[in-house]
Protein backbone atom coordinates (compact mmCIF):
# COMPACT_ATOMS: atom_id res chain seq x y z
CA UNK A 1 -30.96 30.93 4.80
CA UNK A 2 -27.33 29.64 3.35
CA UNK A 3 -27.30 33.30 1.59
CA UNK A 4 -28.63 35.95 4.76
CA UNK A 5 -26.17 38.35 5.86
CA UNK A 6 -27.73 37.91 9.17
CA UNK A 7 -27.67 34.27 9.72
CA UNK A 8 -23.63 34.03 8.78
CA UNK A 9 -23.31 36.79 11.10
CA UNK A 10 -24.85 34.41 13.59
CA UNK A 11 -22.62 31.63 13.06
CA UNK A 12 -19.83 33.34 12.98
CA UNK A 13 -19.31 33.07 9.60
CA UNK A 14 -18.96 36.91 9.15
CA UNK A 15 -16.93 38.95 11.35
CA UNK A 16 -19.28 41.62 13.73
CA UNK A 17 -18.41 43.87 16.64
CA UNK A 18 -20.76 41.25 19.16
CA UNK A 19 -22.27 43.60 21.97
CA UNK A 20 -23.68 40.56 23.73
CA UNK A 21 -25.97 37.02 23.39
CA UNK A 22 -29.07 34.96 25.03
CA UNK A 23 -29.92 31.58 24.06
CA UNK A 24 -31.58 32.54 20.74
CA UNK A 25 -30.48 36.09 20.29
CA UNK A 26 -27.72 37.95 18.99
CA UNK A 27 -26.29 41.89 19.48
CA UNK A 28 -23.82 43.66 17.51
CA UNK A 29 -23.12 46.98 16.39
CA UNK A 30 -24.84 48.36 13.48
CA UNK A 31 -22.09 47.90 10.57
CA UNK A 32 -23.49 51.77 9.21
CA UNK A 33 -24.51 53.66 11.86
CA UNK A 34 -26.92 55.75 12.84
CA UNK A 35 -25.61 57.16 16.12
CA UNK A 36 -22.86 56.07 18.65
CA UNK A 37 -23.80 52.73 19.84
CA UNK A 38 -26.53 52.06 17.01
CA UNK A 39 -27.28 48.30 17.37
CA UNK A 40 -29.09 45.59 16.18
CA UNK A 41 -31.10 42.47 17.81
CA UNK A 42 -31.53 39.64 15.51
CA UNK A 43 -32.77 35.83 16.46
CA UNK A 44 -29.96 33.03 15.74
CA UNK A 45 -32.24 31.29 14.07
CA UNK A 46 -33.59 33.07 10.48
CA UNK A 47 -37.41 34.65 11.08
CA UNK A 48 -38.17 36.98 8.72
CA UNK A 49 -40.08 39.48 10.28
CA UNK A 50 -41.56 40.00 14.53
CA UNK A 51 -44.56 38.06 12.97
CA UNK A 52 -42.82 34.98 12.21
CA UNK A 53 -40.51 35.02 15.70
CA UNK A 54 -42.12 32.37 18.06
CA UNK A 55 -44.12 33.64 20.66
CA UNK A 56 -42.33 31.72 23.54
CA UNK A 57 -39.47 33.77 22.50
CA UNK A 58 -40.82 36.90 23.17
CA UNK A 59 -40.04 37.23 27.24
CA UNK A 60 -36.21 36.76 26.15
CA UNK A 61 -36.45 39.33 23.52
CA UNK A 62 -38.16 41.53 25.64
CA UNK A 63 -35.76 40.87 28.32
CA UNK A 64 -32.91 40.95 26.11
CA UNK A 65 -33.63 44.37 24.21
CA UNK A 66 -33.50 45.87 27.59
CA UNK A 67 -30.69 44.40 28.86
CA UNK A 68 -28.79 45.90 26.00
CA UNK A 69 -30.60 49.34 25.93
CA UNK A 70 -29.37 49.20 29.80
CA UNK A 71 -25.78 48.76 28.71
CA UNK A 72 -25.52 51.77 26.04
CA UNK A 73 -26.82 53.99 28.36
CA UNK A 74 -24.66 52.85 31.00
CA UNK A 75 -21.33 52.95 28.57
CA UNK A 76 -22.68 56.79 27.95
CA UNK A 77 -23.55 56.05 23.93
CA UNK A 78 -26.92 58.30 25.00
CA UNK A 79 -28.93 59.57 27.53
CA UNK A 80 -32.31 58.33 26.00
CA UNK A 81 -32.82 55.53 22.95
CA UNK A 82 -35.43 53.99 20.47
CA UNK A 83 -36.00 50.89 19.53
CA UNK A 84 -37.20 50.34 16.06
CA UNK A 85 -38.36 47.71 14.20
CA UNK A 86 -39.09 47.59 10.38
CA UNK A 87 -41.11 44.61 9.10
CA UNK A 88 -41.36 44.15 4.97
CA UNK A 89 -40.02 46.24 2.72
CA UNK A 90 -42.57 48.93 2.99
CA UNK A 91 -42.17 49.45 5.94
CA UNK A 92 -38.38 49.88 5.18
CA UNK A 93 -37.25 46.19 5.76
CA UNK A 94 -34.08 45.95 3.48
CA UNK A 95 -32.40 43.04 5.39
CA UNK A 96 -35.18 40.17 5.12
CA UNK A 97 -34.04 38.70 8.87
CA UNK A 98 -35.72 39.69 11.61
CA UNK A 99 -33.73 42.68 13.52
CA UNK A 100 -34.41 45.64 16.16
CA UNK A 101 -32.57 48.60 16.04
CA UNK A 102 -31.09 50.27 19.21
CA UNK A 103 -30.61 53.80 18.74
CA UNK A 104 -28.82 55.52 21.77
CA UNK A 105 -29.82 59.10 21.64
CA UNK A 106 -28.18 62.12 22.51
CA UNK A 107 -30.18 66.08 23.12
CA UNK A 108 -28.00 67.26 20.09
CA UNK A 109 -27.62 64.33 17.65
CA UNK A 110 -29.96 65.94 14.88
CA UNK A 111 -31.67 62.29 14.06
CA UNK A 112 -35.43 62.97 13.66
CA UNK A 113 -37.55 61.06 15.89
CA UNK A 114 -40.98 58.61 14.77
CA UNK A 115 -43.93 59.93 15.94
């Protein structure tokens, strides 16, 4: 997708504050964070939703998400974390490139959890 902002970030065409990367995924800090350390994980290739990401990448995605979540806790961004993924506009997806939000949480951050 030539006009996808996340594809441009993955290709290095748009600068972002990279947290880490794996073979197929990239983690970077959200430009409009909901909490300190709010990080996005995206596939380097363009997929729209979780349903589009090939199953053979599932283990790498889970492992990478765990790695980034642990890193954020280690860096004291929070004492807990939420993992969230919006899939398609009715669920709140704005950028049509699959992405996972990791939101480090502190007891007093006043961010409402999703049940």
